[in-house]
Amino acid sequence: MTRPARIPIFPLEVVLYPGIPLPLHIFEERYKLMVQECLEQRREFGVVLAREDGVEAVGCTATILQVVKQYPDGRMDILTTGQVPFQMTDVFDEKPYLEASVEYLEDESEPEGPSLPQRLLKLYEQCYAVLHGRAPQMDGAPPGISLAFLIASELPLELDYKQELLEIRSEAERQENLREKMETWLPELEQLDRMKRRAGGNGHGRH
């Protein structure tokens, strides 16, 4: 599939990953226009992490799967899904919304070697159970979807860390990075959970 060299850009306080769904409520006039044009032209747009001083250069394209609801004033709820990571090279403000020239990013080809999916899934299950009090409904990643991206999208990790993971171009490296992150994070979650339980059990926390 030939992808366009220039795409609309939607800065959001979110990090989108390939293969991960992203529901959006579109209410600003410029993004109503952008979404309408993408629908008419069957184009993807780029989602980049918005910061106070600008946007990240690396993002992920999104395709619109469905317009879930349209409102009388033009607002709409849409369902999108992440497609391909990219890096912006030039940004243009000729339209009400930003556009950018982009280079699409591919993962490095990796020889088959030891992988971490079982260890990752176990850590994910433990973190999820502490956070939600129940087991997650995930046995693994569907074909073609990064397990690291799938797990990271399901956990309330810092946006800076999610962005760091998006910029890694090796699934083995992403999995190793995420394993180290969760092994550090899990004891912290468990400690917070114990403190909450103690506070809830005796009506007050220890000062």
C-alpha atoms as a PDB file:
ATOM      1  CA  MET A   1       0.000   0.000   0.000  1.00  0.00           C
ATOM      2  CA  THR A   2       1.342   3.406  -1.009  1.00  0.00           C
ATOM      3  CA  ARG A   3       0.931   5.906   1.780  1.00  0.00           C
ATOM      4  CA  PRO A   4       0.752   9.676   1.257  1.00  0.00           C
ATOM      5  CA  ALA A   5       3.866  11.721   1.970  1.00  0.00           C
ATOM      6  CA  ARG A   6       1.774  14.468   3.573  1.00  0.00           C
ATOM      7  CA  ILE A   7      -1.005  13.861   6.101  1.00  0.00           C
ATOM      8  CA  PRO A   8      -3.316  15.812   8.433  1.00  0.00           C
ATOM      9  CA  ILE A   9      -2.068  15.981  12.024  1.00  0.00           C
ATOM     10  CA  PHE A  10      -4.211  15.686  15.158  1.00  0.00           C
ATOM     11  CA  PRO A  11      -2.282  16.578  18.356  1.00  0.00           C
ATOM     12  CA  LEU A  12      -3.778  14.833  21.389  1.00  0.00           C
ATOM     13  CA  GLU A  13      -2.787  14.030  24.955  1.00  0.00           C
ATOM     14  CA  VAL A  14      -2.515  10.378  23.998  1.00  0.00           C
ATOM     15  CA  VAL A  15       0.029   8.017  22.447  1.00  0.00           C
ATOM     16  CA  LEU A  16      -1.534   5.863  19.738  1.00  0.00           C
ATOM     17  CA  TYR A  17      -0.062   2.487  18.794  1.00  0.00           C
ATOM     18  CA  PRO A  18      -0.484   0.424  15.600  1.00  0.00           C
ATOM     19  CA  GLY A  19      -3.452  -1.921  15.835  1.00  0.00           C
ATOM     20  CA  ILE A  20      -4.923  -0.250  18.925  1.00  0.00           C
ATOM     21  CA  PRO A  21      -8.443   1.259  18.784  1.00  0.00           C
ATOM     22  CA  LEU A  22      -8.940   4.912  19.718  1.00  0.00           C
ATOM     23  CA  PRO A  23     -12.468   6.354  20.137  1.00  0.00           C
ATOM     24  CA  LEU A  24     -12.606  10.132  19.682  1.00  0.00           C
ATOM     25  CA  HIS A  25     -15.171  12.862  20.281  1.00  0.00           C
ATOM     26  CA  ILE A  26     -14.686  15.535  17.602  1.00  0.00           C
ATOM     27  CA  PHE A  27     -15.952  18.957  18.616  1.00  0.00           C
ATOM     28  CA  GLU A  28     -13.494  21.637  17.412  1.00  0.00           C
ATOM     29  CA  GLU A  29     -14.407  23.156  14.041  1.00  0.00           C
ATOM     30  CA  ARG A  30     -10.964  22.523  12.517  1.00  0.00           C
ATOM     31  CA  TYR A  31     -11.058  18.854  13.424  1.00  0.00           C
ATOM     32  CA  LYS A  32     -14.646  18.456  12.241  1.00  0.00           C
ATOM     33  CA  LEU A  33     -13.336  19.697   8.899  1.00  0.00           C
ATOM     34  CA  MET A  34     -10.299  17.411   9.036  1.00  0.00           C
ATOM     35  CA  VAL A  35     -12.363  14.319   9.845  1.00  0.00           C
ATOM     36  CA  GLN A  36     -14.928  15.141   7.155  1.00  0.00           C
ATOM     37  CA  GLU A  37     -12.186  15.480   4.548  1.00  0.00           C
ATOM     38  CA  CYS A  38     -10.560  12.230   5.708  1.00  0.00           C
ATOM     39  CA  LEU A  39     -13.907  10.456   5.414  1.00  0.00           C
ATOM     40  CA  GLU A  40     -14.583  11.832   1.935  1.00  0.00           C
ATOM     41  CA  GLN A  41     -11.088  11.096   0.660  1.00  0.00           C
ATOM     42  CA  ARG A  42     -10.628   7.856   2.648  1.00  0.00           C
ATOM     43  CA  ARG A  43      -7.464   9.257   4.137  1.00  0.00           C
ATOM     44  CA  GLU A  44      -5.681   8.551   7.396  1.00  0.00           C
ATOM     45  CA  PHE A  45      -4.589  11.278   9.794  1.00  0.00           C
ATOM     46  CA  GLY A  46      -1.637  11.352  12.146  1.00  0.00           C
ATOM     47  CA  VAL A  47      -1.997  11.325  15.935  1.00  0.00           C
ATOM     48  CA  VAL A  48       0.900  12.935  17.793  1.00  0.00           C
ATOM     49  CA  LEU A  49       1.390  13.536  21.502  1.00  0.00           C
ATOM     50  CA  ALA A  50       0.627  17.176  22.355  1.00  0.00           C
ATOM     51  CA  ARG A  51       2.796  18.981  24.879  1.00  0.00           C
ATOM     52  CA  GLU A  52       2.687  22.483  26.364  1.00  0.00           C
ATOM     53  CA  ASP A  53       5.573  23.576  24.147  1.00  0.00           C
ATOM     54  CA  GLY A  54       4.601  21.758  20.959  1.00  0.00           C
ATOM     55  CA  VAL A  55       4.129  18.219  19.714  1.00  0.00           C
ATOM     56  CA  GLU A  56       6.234  15.085  19.483  1.00  0.00           C
ATOM     57  CA  ALA A  57       7.786  14.404  16.083  1.00  0.00           C
ATOM     58  CA  VAL A  58       6.979  10.676  16.137  1.00  0.00           C
ATOM     59  CA  GLY A  59       3.346   9.611  16.002  1.00  0.00           C
ATOM     60  CA  CYS A  60       1.050   6.996  14.512  1.00  0.00           C
ATOM     61  CA  THR A  61      -1.454   7.214  11.684  1.00  0.00           C
ATOM     62  CA  ALA A  62      -5.113   6.518  12.431  1.00  0.00           C
ATOM     63  CA  THR A  63      -7.800   5.265  10.088  1.00  0.00           C
ATOM     64  CA  ILE A  64     -11.479   5.984  10.737  1.00  0.00           C
ATOM     65  CA  LEU A  65     -13.370   2.723  11.166  1.00  0.00           C
ATOM     66  CA  GLN A  66     -16.787   4.114  11.992  1.00  0.00           C
ATOM     67  CA  VAL A  67     -18.730   7.283  12.660  1.00  0.00           C
ATOM     68  CA  VAL A  68     -20.493   6.112  15.807  1.00  0.00           C
ATOM     69  CA  LYS A  69     -22.700   9.178  16.316  1.00  0.00           C
ATOM     70  CA  GLN A  70     -23.297  12.539  14.664  1.00  0.00           C
ATOM     71  CA  TYR A  71     -24.752  15.490  16.547  1.00  0.00           C
ATOM     72  CA  PRO A  72     -26.941  18.296  15.096  1.00  0.00           C
ATOM     73  CA  ASP A  73     -24.161  20.863  15.633  1.00  0.00           C
ATOM     74  CA  GLY A  74     -21.631  18.839  13.625  1.00  0.00           C
ATOM     75  CA  ARG A  75     -19.860  17.170  16.542  1.00  0.00           C
ATOM     76  CA  MET A  76     -19.263  13.466  16.106  1.00  0.00           C
ATOM     77  CA  ASP A  77     -18.063  10.365  17.901  1.00  0.00           C
ATOM     78  CA  ILE A  78     -15.746   8.264  15.769  1.00  0.00           C
ATOM     79  CA  LEU A  79     -13.862   5.025  16.222  1.00  0.00           C
ATOM     80  CA  THR A  80     -10.340   4.929  14.816  1.00  0.00           C
ATOM     81  CA  THR A  81      -7.489   2.461  14.967  1.00  0.00           C
ATOM     82  CA  GLY A  82      -3.730   2.978  14.845  1.00  0.00           C
ATOM     83  CA  GLN A  83      -1.917   1.983  11.672  1.00  0.00           C
ATOM     84  CA  VAL A  84       1.711   2.972  11.044  1.00  0.00           C
ATOM     85  CA  PRO A  85       4.294   4.925  13.072  1.00  0.00           C
ATOM     86  CA  PHE A  86       5.793   7.965  11.364  1.00  0.00           C
ATOM     87  CA  GLN A  87       8.180  10.835  11.939  1.00  0.00           C
ATOM     88  CA  MET A  88       7.274  14.358  10.901  1.00  0.00           C
ATOM     89  CA  THR A  89       9.861  16.126   8.745  1.00  0.00           C
ATOM     90  CA  ASP A  90       8.036  19.380   7.898  1.00  0.00           C
ATOM     91  CA  VAL A  91       4.892  20.914   9.377  1.00  0.00           C
ATOM     92  CA  PHE A  92       2.447  23.108   7.420  1.00  0.00           C
ATOM     93  CA  ASP A  93      -0.242  25.436   8.761  1.00  0.00           C
ATOM     94  CA  GLU A  94      -1.917  26.357   5.459  1.00  0.00           C
ATOM     95  CA  LYS A  95      -5.251  24.855   6.572  1.00  0.00           C
ATOM     96  CA  PRO A  96      -7.220  25.328   9.809  1.00  0.00           C
ATOM     97  CA  TYR A  97      -5.535  22.132  11.046  1.00  0.00           C
ATOM     98  CA  LEU A  98      -1.877  21.138  10.776  1.00  0.00           C
ATOM     99  CA  GLU A  99      -0.449  18.932   8.058  1.00  0.00           C
ATOM    100  CA  ALA A 100       3.005  17.373   7.938  1.00  0.00           C
ATOM    101  CA  SER A 101       5.386  15.681   5.571  1.00  0.00           C
ATOM    102  CA  VAL A 102       6.183  12.330   7.126  1.00  0.00           C
ATOM    103  CA  GLU A 103       8.539   9.400   6.883  1.00  0.00           C
ATOM    104  CA  TYR A 104       6.929   6.087   7.778  1.00  0.00           C
ATOM    105  CA  LEU A 105       8.817   3.948  10.279  1.00  0.00           C
ATOM    106  CA  GLU A 106       9.233   0.189  10.125  1.00  0.00           C
ATOM    107  CA  ASP A 107      10.457  -2.233  12.743  1.00  0.00           C
ATOM    108  CA  GLU A 108      13.885  -3.717  12.247  1.00  0.00           C
ATOM    109  CA  SER A 109      13.890  -7.276  10.960  1.00  0.00           C
ATOM    110  CA  GLU A 110      14.863  -9.543  13.827  1.00  0.00           C
ATOM    111  CA  PRO A 111      16.119 -13.118  13.847  1.00  0.00           C
ATOM    112  CA  GLU A 112      13.975 -15.544  15.770  1.00  0.00           C
ATOM    113  CA  GLY A 113      15.330 -15.676  19.292  1.00  0.00           C
ATOM    114  CA  PRO A 114      14.218 -15.966  22.879  1.00  0.00           C
ATOM    115  CA  SER A 115      11.106 -13.907  23.451  1.00  0.00           C
ATOM    116  CA  LEU A 116       9.426 -12.646  26.576  1.00  0.00           C
ATOM    117  CA  PRO A 117       5.708 -12.994  25.887  1.00  0.00           C
ATOM    118  CA  GLN A 118       4.897 -15.352  28.761  1.00  0.00           C
ATOM    119  CA  ARG A 119       6.849 -13.302  31.317  1.00  0.00           C
ATOM    120  CA  LEU A 120       5.304 -10.103  29.949  1.00  0.00           C
ATOM    121  CA  LEU A 121       1.796 -11.506  30.103  1.00  0.00           C
ATOM    122  CA  LYS A 122       2.333 -12.692  33.680  1.00  0.00           C
ATOM    123  CA  LEU A 123       3.545  -9.250  34.762  1.00  0.00           C
ATOM    124  CA  TYR A 124       0.673  -7.615  32.909  1.00  0.00           C
ATOM    125  CA  GLU A 125      -1.847  -9.896  34.634  1.00  0.00           C
ATOM    126  CA  GLN A 126      -0.342  -9.051  38.031  1.00  0.00           C
ATOM    127  CA  CYS A 127      -0.331  -5.284  37.417  1.00  0.00           C
ATOM    128  CA  TYR A 128      -3.852  -5.368  35.985  1.00  0.00           C
ATOM    129  CA  ALA A 129      -5.196  -7.406  38.902  1.00  0.00           C
ATOM    130  CA  VAL A 130      -3.772  -4.942  41.446  1.00  0.00           C
ATOM    131  CA  LEU A 131      -5.230  -1.986  39.523  1.00  0.00           C
ATOM    132  CA  HIS A 132      -8.669  -3.422  38.753  1.00  0.00           C
ATOM    133  CA  GLY A 133      -9.189  -6.236  41.239  1.00  0.00           C
ATOM    134  CA  ARG A 134      -9.767  -8.796  38.492  1.00  0.00           C
ATOM    135  CA  ALA A 135      -7.901 -10.666  35.795  1.00  0.00           C
ATOM    136  CA  PRO A 136      -7.571  -9.103  32.327  1.00  0.00           C
ATOM    137  CA  GLN A 137      -9.265 -10.610  29.282  1.00  0.00           C
ATOM    138  CA  MET A 138      -6.099 -11.079  27.225  1.00  0.00           C
ATOM    139  CA  ASP A 139      -4.302 -14.276  26.249  1.00  0.00           C
ATOM    140  CA  GLY A 140      -1.831 -12.670  23.871  1.00  0.00           C
ATOM    141  CA  ALA A 141      -1.612 -10.358  20.876  1.00  0.00           C
ATOM    142  CA  PRO A 142      -3.511 -10.992  17.625  1.00  0.00           C
ATOM    143  CA  PRO A 143      -1.313 -11.718  14.568  1.00  0.00           C
ATOM    144  CA  GLY A 144       0.514  -8.622  13.376  1.00  0.00           C
ATOM    145  CA  ILE A 145       0.001  -6.666  16.607  1.00  0.00           C
ATOM    146  CA  SER A 146       2.910  -5.840  18.905  1.00  0.00           C
ATOM    147  CA  LEU A 147       2.392  -7.486  22.292  1.00  0.00           C
ATOM    148  CA  ALA A 148       4.348  -4.663  23.928  1.00  0.00           C
ATOM    149  CA  PHE A 149       2.065  -2.042  22.347  1.00  0.00           C
ATOM    150  CA  LEU A 150      -1.048  -4.006  23.287  1.00  0.00           C
ATOM    151  CA  ILE A 151      -0.026  -4.323  26.936  1.00  0.00           C
ATOM    152  CA  ALA A 152       1.142  -0.693  27.194  1.00  0.00           C
ATOM    153  CA  SER A 153      -2.171   0.520  25.761  1.00  0.00           C
ATOM    154  CA  GLU A 154      -4.073  -1.321  28.528  1.00  0.00           C
ATOM    155  CA  LEU A 155      -2.130   0.118  31.467  1.00  0.00           C
ATOM    156  CA  PRO A 156      -2.085   3.662  32.934  1.00  0.00           C
ATOM    157  CA  LEU A 157       1.594   4.235  32.175  1.00  0.00           C
ATOM    158  CA  GLU A 158       3.075   7.723  31.906  1.00  0.00           C
ATOM    159  CA  LEU A 159       2.669   9.357  28.504  1.00  0.00           C
ATOM    160  CA  ASP A 160       6.417  10.013  28.343  1.00  0.00           C
ATOM    161  CA  TYR A 161       7.052   6.303  28.727  1.00  0.00           C
ATOM    162  CA  LYS A 162       4.392   5.350  26.177  1.00  0.00           C
ATOM    163  CA  GLN A 163       6.011   7.765  23.727  1.00  0.00           C
ATOM    164  CA  GLU A 164       9.425   6.214  24.404  1.00  0.00           C
ATOM    165  CA  LEU A 165       7.997   2.785  23.612  1.00  0.00           C
ATOM    166  CA  LEU A 166       6.444   4.047  20.351  1.00  0.00           C
ATOM    167  CA  GLU A 167       9.837   5.266  19.174  1.00  0.00           C
ATOM    168  CA  ILE A 168      11.564   1.882  19.642  1.00  0.00           C
ATOM    169  CA  ARG A 169      11.887   0.064  16.326  1.00  0.00           C
ATOM    170  CA  SER A 170      12.398  -3.468  17.632  1.00  0.00           C
ATOM    171  CA  GLU A 171       9.673  -5.620  19.188  1.00  0.00           C
ATOM    172  CA  ALA A 172      12.252  -7.585  21.188  1.00  0.00           C
ATOM    173  CA  GLU A 173      13.641  -4.338  22.590  1.00  0.00           C
ATOM    174  CA  ARG A 174      10.131  -3.040  23.338  1.00  0.00           C
ATOM    175  CA  GLN A 175       9.272  -6.216  25.225  1.00  0.00           C
ATOM    176  CA  GLU A 176      12.486  -6.125  27.225  1.00  0.00           C
ATOM    177  CA  ASN A 177      11.987  -2.435  28.008  1.00  0.00           C
ATOM    178  CA  LEU A 178       8.395  -3.030  29.121  1.00  0.00           C
ATOM    179  CA  ARG A 179       9.398  -6.050  31.213  1.00  0.00           C
ATOM    180  CA  GLU A 180      11.905  -3.923  33.128  1.00  0.00           C
ATOM    181  CA  LYS A 181       9.311  -1.168  33.542  1.00  0.00           C
ATOM    182  CA  MET A 182       6.650  -3.492  34.945  1.00  0.00           C
ATOM    183  CA  GLU A 183       9.052  -5.331  37.245  1.00  0.00           C
ATOM    184  CA  THR A 184       9.846  -1.974  38.852  1.00  0.00           C
ATOM    185  CA  TRP A 185       6.245  -0.776  38.789  1.00  0.00           C
ATOM    186  CA  LEU A 186       4.535  -3.877  40.215  1.00  0.00           C
ATOM    187  CA  PRO A 187       5.987  -3.583  43.772  1.00  0.00           C
ATOM    188  CA  GLU A 188       4.997   0.098  43.816  1.00  0.00           C
ATOM    189  CA  LEU A 189       1.426  -0.789  42.811  1.00  0.00           C
ATOM    190  CA  GLU A 190       1.265  -3.507  45.448  1.00  0.00           C
ATOM    191  CA  GLN A 191       2.529  -1.114  48.127  1.00  0.00           C
ATOM    192  CA  LEU A 192      -0.097   1.485  47.174  1.00  0.00           C
ATOM    193  CA  ASP A 193      -2.770  -1.201  47.201  1.00  0.00           C
ATOM    194  CA  ARG A 194      -1.757  -2.322  50.705  1.00  0.00           C
ATOM    195  CA  MET A 195      -1.889   1.279  51.957  1.00  0.00           C
ATOM    196  CA  LYS A 196      -5.370   1.750  50.465  1.00  0.00           C
ATOM    197  CA  ARG A 197      -6.579  -1.467  52.056  1.00  0.00           C
ATOM    198  CA  ARG A 198      -5.233  -0.449  55.468  1.00  0.00           C
ATOM    199  CA  ALA A 199      -6.799   2.987  55.174  1.00  0.00           C
ATOM    200  CA  GLY A 200     -10.113   1.473  54.136  1.00  0.00           C
ATOM    201  CA  GLY A 201     -10.018  -1.154  56.871  1.00  0.00           C
ATOM    202  CA  ASN A 202      -9.575   1.152  59.860  1.00  0.00           C
ATOM    203  CA  GLY A 203     -11.187   4.314  58.627  1.00  0.00           C
ATOM    204  CA  HIS A 204      -8.031   6.350  58.356  1.00  0.00           C
ATOM    205  CA  GLY A 205      -4.523   6.169  57.029  1.00  0.00           C
ATOM    206  CA  ARG A 206      -1.381   6.318  59.085  1.00  0.00           C
ATOM    207  CA  HIS A 207       0.018   9.873  59.240  1.00  0.00           C
END
